């Protein structure tokens, strides 16, 4: 996927979370650039994540302005074939 045509992707993660590892592996396999915000030792970032997502678990994933949820929701988007469309900027083709 061409990064210039990609929606920004943000993941709040922790280092040893297996779901975070799986979510990043899926995005890496699709050559998706993402910003990873580690909340392991940053309570401010953790509070920000909870405030934005209303969830305490990691990962919490955003594609553009859309809160996807966690790893299970990301994989569900992939299974249903909608992840690639979400990653694409509106009005542009991959």
C-alpha atoms as a PDB file:
ATOM      1  CA  UNK A   1       0.000   0.000   0.000  1.00  0.00           C
ATOM      2  CA  UNK A   2       1.428   3.374  -0.948  1.00  0.00           C
ATOM      3  CA  UNK A   3       1.926   5.420   2.193  1.00  0.00           C
ATOM      4  CA  UNK A   4       1.014   8.692   0.471  1.00  0.00           C
ATOM      5  CA  UNK A   5      -2.489   7.329  -0.139  1.00  0.00           C
ATOM      6  CA  UNK A   6      -2.873   5.892   3.343  1.00  0.00           C
ATOM      7  CA  UNK A   7      -4.966   7.144   6.214  1.00  0.00           C
ATOM      8  CA  UNK A   8      -2.869   7.787   9.336  1.00  0.00           C
ATOM      9  CA  UNK A   9      -2.884   4.781  11.666  1.00  0.00           C
ATOM     10  CA  UNK A  10      -2.255   5.127  15.405  1.00  0.00           C
ATOM     11  CA  UNK A  11      -1.847   2.264  17.872  1.00  0.00           C
ATOM     12  CA  UNK A  12      -1.652   2.549  21.641  1.00  0.00           C
ATOM     13  CA  UNK A  13       0.339  -0.487  22.776  1.00  0.00           C
ATOM     14  CA  UNK A  14       2.434  -2.129  25.461  1.00  0.00           C
ATOM     15  CA  UNK A  15       5.681  -3.981  24.769  1.00  0.00           C
ATOM     16  CA  UNK A  16       4.665  -7.463  25.917  1.00  0.00           C
ATOM     17  CA  UNK A  17       1.037  -7.544  24.778  1.00  0.00           C
ATOM     18  CA  UNK A  18       0.520 -10.461  22.353  1.00  0.00           C
ATOM     19  CA  UNK A  19      -2.486  -8.717  20.803  1.00  0.00           C
ATOM     20  CA  UNK A  20      -0.375  -5.635  20.115  1.00  0.00           C
ATOM     21  CA  UNK A  21       2.223  -7.843  18.430  1.00  0.00           C
ATOM     22  CA  UNK A  22      -0.473  -9.500  16.268  1.00  0.00           C
ATOM     23  CA  UNK A  23      -2.025  -6.170  15.250  1.00  0.00           C
ATOM     24  CA  UNK A  24       1.371  -4.727  14.292  1.00  0.00           C
ATOM     25  CA  UNK A  25       2.238  -7.915  12.374  1.00  0.00           C
ATOM     26  CA  UNK A  26      -0.954  -7.604  10.307  1.00  0.00           C
ATOM     27  CA  UNK A  27      -0.250  -3.958   9.520  1.00  0.00           C
ATOM     28  CA  UNK A  28       3.408  -4.742   8.729  1.00  0.00           C
ATOM     29  CA  UNK A  29       2.354  -7.560   6.373  1.00  0.00           C
ATOM     30  CA  UNK A  30       0.308  -4.997   4.442  1.00  0.00           C
ATOM     31  CA  UNK A  31       3.160  -2.422   4.434  1.00  0.00           C
ATOM     32  CA  UNK A  32       1.018  -0.037   6.458  1.00  0.00           C
ATOM     33  CA  UNK A  33       2.877   2.775   8.185  1.00  0.00           C
ATOM     34  CA  UNK A  34       1.644   3.464  11.712  1.00  0.00           C
ATOM     35  CA  UNK A  35       2.451   5.520  14.760  1.00  0.00           C
ATOM     36  CA  UNK A  36       2.923   3.404  17.862  1.00  0.00           C
ATOM     37  CA  UNK A  37       2.317   5.043  21.232  1.00  0.00           C
ATOM     38  CA  UNK A  38       3.630   2.819  24.041  1.00  0.00           C
ATOM     39  CA  UNK A  39       1.663   3.266  27.253  1.00  0.00           C
ATOM     40  CA  UNK A  40       3.803   0.856  29.357  1.00  0.00           C
ATOM     41  CA  UNK A  41       5.479   3.520  31.429  1.00  0.00           C
ATOM     42  CA  UNK A  42       3.668   6.667  30.315  1.00  0.00           C
ATOM     43  CA  UNK A  43       0.613   7.177  32.487  1.00  0.00           C
ATOM     44  CA  UNK A  44      -0.261  10.365  30.611  1.00  0.00           C
ATOM     45  CA  UNK A  45      -0.498   8.470  27.321  1.00  0.00           C
ATOM     46  CA  UNK A  46      -2.461   5.693  29.048  1.00  0.00           C
ATOM     47  CA  UNK A  47      -4.966   8.265  30.376  1.00  0.00           C
ATOM     48  CA  UNK A  48      -5.187   9.819  26.895  1.00  0.00           C
ATOM     49  CA  UNK A  49      -5.897   6.387  25.384  1.00  0.00           C
ATOM     50  CA  UNK A  50      -8.606   5.631  27.948  1.00  0.00           C
ATOM     51  CA  UNK A  51     -10.208   9.049  27.497  1.00  0.00           C
ATOM     52  CA  UNK A  52     -10.263   8.736  23.691  1.00  0.00           C
ATOM     53  CA  UNK A  53     -11.295   5.078  23.470  1.00  0.00           C
ATOM     54  CA  UNK A  54     -13.309   4.592  26.682  1.00  0.00           C
ATOM     55  CA  UNK A  55     -11.333   1.328  27.019  1.00  0.00           C
ATOM     56  CA  UNK A  56      -8.422   0.254  29.207  1.00  0.00           C
ATOM     57  CA  UNK A  57      -7.114  -2.670  27.132  1.00  0.00           C
ATOM     58  CA  UNK A  58      -4.398  -2.531  24.487  1.00  0.00           C
ATOM     59  CA  UNK A  59      -4.010  -2.231  21.627  1.00  0.00           C
ATOM     60  CA  UNK A  60      -6.366   0.616  20.815  1.00  0.00           C
ATOM     61  CA  UNK A  61      -6.262   1.400  17.122  1.00  0.00           C
ATOM     62  CA  UNK A  62      -7.348   4.393  15.050  1.00  0.00           C
ATOM     63  CA  UNK A  63      -7.447   4.586  11.273  1.00  0.00           C
ATOM     64  CA  UNK A  64      -7.799   8.229  10.392  1.00  0.00           C
ATOM     65  CA  UNK A  65     -10.416   9.609  12.784  1.00  0.00           C
ATOM     66  CA  UNK A  66     -12.130   6.212  13.195  1.00  0.00           C
ATOM     67  CA  UNK A  67     -11.571   4.245  16.384  1.00  0.00           C
ATOM     68  CA  UNK A  68     -11.294   0.650  15.181  1.00  0.00           C
ATOM     69  CA  UNK A  69     -10.997  -0.880  18.637  1.00  0.00           C
ATOM     70  CA  UNK A  70      -8.501  -3.600  19.409  1.00  0.00           C
ATOM     71  CA  UNK A  71      -6.752  -6.477  17.693  1.00  0.00           C
ATOM     72  CA  UNK A  72      -9.898  -8.591  17.278  1.00  0.00           C
ATOM     73  CA  UNK A  73     -11.722  -5.739  15.570  1.00  0.00           C
ATOM     74  CA  UNK A  74      -8.742  -5.084  13.274  1.00  0.00           C
ATOM     75  CA  UNK A  75      -8.654  -8.734  12.202  1.00  0.00           C
ATOM     76  CA  UNK A  76     -12.440  -8.696  11.702  1.00  0.00           C
ATOM     77  CA  UNK A  77     -12.022  -5.778   9.288  1.00  0.00           C
ATOM     78  CA  UNK A  78      -9.377  -7.798   7.434  1.00  0.00           C
ATOM     79  CA  UNK A  79     -11.599 -10.920   7.298  1.00  0.00           C
ATOM     80  CA  UNK A  80     -14.542  -8.956   5.913  1.00  0.00           C
ATOM     81  CA  UNK A  81     -12.367  -7.244   3.308  1.00  0.00           C
ATOM     82  CA  UNK A  82     -13.000  -3.723   4.608  1.00  0.00           C
ATOM     83  CA  UNK A  83      -9.587  -2.960   6.151  1.00  0.00           C
ATOM     84  CA  UNK A  84      -7.928  -1.961   2.870  1.00  0.00           C
ATOM     85  CA  UNK A  85     -10.757   0.462   2.069  1.00  0.00           C
ATOM     86  CA  UNK A  86     -10.512   2.024   5.532  1.00  0.00           C
ATOM     87  CA  UNK A  87      -6.772   2.480   5.121  1.00  0.00           C
ATOM     88  CA  UNK A  88      -7.208   4.279   1.818  1.00  0.00           C
ATOM     89  CA  UNK A  89      -7.681   8.045   1.872  1.00  0.00           C
ATOM     90  CA  UNK A  90     -11.091   9.024   0.583  1.00  0.00           C
ATOM     91  CA  UNK A  91     -11.116   9.975  -3.044  1.00  0.00           C
ATOM     92  CA  UNK A  92      -7.771   8.324  -3.808  1.00  0.00           C
ATOM     93  CA  UNK A  93      -6.911   4.905  -5.137  1.00  0.00           C
ATOM     94  CA  UNK A  94      -4.176   2.570  -3.996  1.00  0.00           C
END
